[in-house]
């Protein structure tokens, strides 16, 4: 299932944020790492920003991601 998710992330178009896919990717953390998402999607898609924002969300995000100081320091803009 993880390989299918990685293939979906790889095929995200530049015109969509893929909100359902963002939720899946966040739930797959730490197997789906932010560096991978950033490397396979285009910056124009907004998918990476949506993924990172959801991952670090103060209520619905992933606790381990919020404790990762290097991830928290990532600048997305």
Protein backbone atom coordinates (compact mmCIF):
# COMPACT_ATOMS: atom_id res chain seq x y z
CA UNK A 1 0.00 0.00 0.00
CA UNK A 2 2.86 2.37 0.73
CA UNK A 3 4.23 2.01 -2.79
CA UNK A 4 0.80 2.85 -4.22
CA UNK A 5 0.66 5.99 -2.06
CA UNK A 6 4.13 7.02 -3.18
CA UNK A 7 3.09 6.52 -6.81
CA UNK A 8 0.01 8.70 -6.24
CA UNK A 9 2.08 11.45 -4.68
CA UNK A 10 4.46 11.25 -7.62
CA UNK A 11 1.55 11.79 -10.04
CA UNK A 12 -0.09 14.76 -8.30
CA UNK A 13 -0.83 17.37 -10.92
CA UNK A 14 0.15 21.01 -10.61
CA UNK A 15 -3.50 22.10 -10.59
CA UNK A 16 -4.63 20.31 -7.44
CA UNK A 17 -3.69 20.25 -3.80
CA UNK A 18 -4.94 16.65 -3.51
CA UNK A 19 -6.55 17.10 -0.10
CA UNK A 20 -7.53 13.43 0.25
CA UNK A 21 -4.00 12.44 -0.70
CA UNK A 22 -2.58 14.91 1.83
CA UNK A 23 -4.57 13.20 4.58
CA UNK A 24 -3.26 9.81 3.49
CA UNK A 25 0.32 11.05 3.31
CA UNK A 26 0.11 12.60 6.78
CA UNK A 27 -1.29 9.37 8.22
CA UNK A 28 1.60 7.49 6.60
CA UNK A 29 4.24 9.61 8.37
CA UNK A 30 7.05 8.67 9.16
CA UNK A 31 7.02 6.22 6.25
CA UNK A 32 6.27 9.12 3.91
CA UNK A 33 8.86 11.73 4.74
CA UNK A 34 8.56 15.43 3.84
CA UNK A 35 11.80 15.33 1.85
CA UNK A 36 10.27 12.69 -0.41
CA UNK A 37 7.09 14.68 -0.96
CA UNK A 38 9.09 17.81 -1.74
CA UNK A 39 11.29 15.94 -4.20
CA UNK A 40 8.46 14.45 -6.28
CA UNK A 41 5.89 17.24 -6.54
CA UNK A 42 6.28 20.59 -8.22
CA UNK A 43 6.41 23.69 -6.07
CA UNK A 44 3.49 25.17 -7.99
CA UNK A 45 1.12 22.37 -6.98
CA UNK A 46 0.68 23.49 -3.40
CA UNK A 47 0.65 19.83 -2.39
CA UNK A 48 3.87 20.09 -0.39
CA UNK A 49 2.66 23.15 1.48
CA UNK A 50 -0.67 21.44 2.25
CA UNK A 51 1.13 18.27 3.35
CA UNK A 52 3.59 20.10 5.60
CA UNK A 53 0.88 22.32 7.08
CA UNK A 54 -1.31 19.31 7.85
CA UNK A 55 1.62 17.33 9.22
CA UNK A 56 2.58 20.12 11.64
CA UNK A 57 -0.98 21.20 12.51
CA UNK A 58 -1.25 21.84 16.26
CA UNK A 59 -4.32 19.61 16.77
CA UNK A 60 -4.64 17.25 13.84
CA UNK A 61 -0.98 16.92 12.87
CA UNK A 62 1.49 14.21 13.75
CA UNK A 63 3.06 14.46 17.23
CA UNK A 64 6.42 13.03 16.16
CA UNK A 65 6.63 15.50 13.28
CA UNK A 66 6.00 18.45 15.59
CA UNK A 67 8.83 17.24 17.84
CA UNK A 68 11.28 17.03 14.91
CA UNK A 69 13.16 20.31 15.27
CA UNK A 70 14.66 20.14 11.77
CA UNK A 71 11.23 19.69 10.24
CA UNK A 72 9.70 22.52 12.26
CA UNK A 73 12.46 24.86 11.04
CA UNK A 74 11.68 24.16 7.36
CA UNK A 75 10.77 27.29 5.45
CA UNK A 76 8.04 26.66 2.93
CA UNK A 77 7.86 30.14 1.44
